[in-house]
């Protein structure tokens, strides 16, 4: 799966420069635990994923989903979590 930051401080083009490949949910949890700056532990239980938008984002070809930690936006992904 591909991920990119979910932040209002970057344009879509800017956030696409930070796209990363994540191979599993465990790898995603480890990435968030190391990189997510809002504090608190990241666990399998407090990471959620919801559909974002009404279909494929034609600009980038993603079936965009929002990944949250404790209900707070962290990342966008190109599909649902594995």
Protein backbone atom coordinates (compact mmCIF):
# COMPACT_ATOMS: atom_id res chain seq x y z
CA UNK A 1 0.00 0.00 0.00
CA UNK A 2 1.10 3.56 -0.58
CA UNK A 3 0.83 6.22 2.12
CA UNK A 4 1.32 9.98 2.25
CA UNK A 5 0.97 12.63 4.97
CA UNK A 6 -2.50 13.88 5.88
CA UNK A 7 -1.74 17.49 6.71
CA UNK A 8 -3.34 20.82 5.81
CA UNK A 9 0.15 22.31 5.54
CA UNK A 10 1.00 20.60 2.23
CA UNK A 11 -0.59 20.73 -1.18
CA UNK A 12 -1.43 17.46 -2.91
CA UNK A 13 1.70 17.82 -5.04
CA UNK A 14 3.87 18.39 -1.99
CA UNK A 15 2.40 15.43 -0.10
CA UNK A 16 2.91 13.16 -3.13
CA UNK A 17 6.65 13.84 -2.86
CA UNK A 18 6.50 12.02 0.51
CA UNK A 19 4.74 8.84 -0.69
CA UNK A 20 6.07 5.65 0.90
CA UNK A 21 5.34 1.97 0.32
CA UNK A 22 4.17 0.00 3.35
CA UNK A 23 4.01 -3.78 3.03
CA UNK A 24 1.85 -4.77 6.00
CA UNK A 25 -0.25 -3.48 8.86
CA UNK A 26 2.62 -4.27 11.27
CA UNK A 27 4.97 -2.14 9.14
CA UNK A 28 2.39 0.67 9.15
CA UNK A 29 2.08 0.52 12.96
CA UNK A 30 5.88 0.62 13.30
CA UNK A 31 6.12 3.57 10.88
CA UNK A 32 3.45 5.51 12.74
CA UNK A 33 5.02 4.70 16.10
CA UNK A 34 8.35 6.16 14.90
CA UNK A 35 7.18 9.05 12.72
CA UNK A 36 3.82 10.27 13.99
CA UNK A 37 4.42 13.41 16.01
CA UNK A 38 1.24 13.80 18.07
CA UNK A 39 2.44 11.69 20.95
CA UNK A 40 1.16 8.62 22.70
CA UNK A 41 1.73 5.01 21.77
CA UNK A 42 0.55 3.69 18.42
CA UNK A 43 -1.05 0.26 18.67
CA UNK A 44 -3.09 -1.99 16.43
CA UNK A 45 -6.16 -1.06 18.49
CA UNK A 46 -5.94 2.72 18.07
CA UNK A 47 -5.20 2.80 14.32
CA UNK A 48 -8.29 3.05 12.11
CA UNK A 49 -8.91 3.55 8.41
CA UNK A 50 -11.95 5.16 6.75
CA UNK A 51 -12.90 5.74 3.13
CA UNK A 52 -12.14 9.32 2.02
CA UNK A 53 -14.19 10.79 -0.83
CA UNK A 54 -16.61 9.32 -3.32
CA UNK A 55 -14.42 7.08 -5.42
CA UNK A 56 -11.09 7.11 -7.19
CA UNK A 57 -9.23 10.41 -6.96
CA UNK A 58 -8.69 11.06 -10.67
CA UNK A 59 -5.74 13.36 -9.94
CA UNK A 60 -3.59 10.55 -8.53
CA UNK A 61 -5.53 7.34 -9.22
CA UNK A 62 -5.98 6.46 -5.54
CA UNK A 63 -8.98 4.91 -3.79
CA UNK A 64 -8.08 7.24 -0.93
CA UNK A 65 -8.55 6.22 2.70
CA UNK A 66 -7.70 8.22 5.83
CA UNK A 67 -5.57 6.48 8.45
CA UNK A 68 -6.12 7.83 11.97
CA UNK A 69 -4.48 7.30 15.35
CA UNK A 70 -6.89 7.75 18.25
CA UNK A 71 -9.30 9.36 15.76
CA UNK A 72 -6.74 11.96 14.61
CA UNK A 73 -5.71 12.14 10.95
CA UNK A 74 -2.20 10.82 10.31
CA UNK A 75 -1.91 9.53 6.74
CA UNK A 76 -3.77 8.98 3.50
CA UNK A 77 -3.46 5.59 1.80
CA UNK A 78 -4.22 4.34 -1.69
CA UNK A 79 -6.70 1.78 -0.36
CA UNK A 80 -8.01 0.12 2.80
CA UNK A 81 -5.62 -1.33 5.37
CA UNK A 82 -4.48 -4.90 4.83
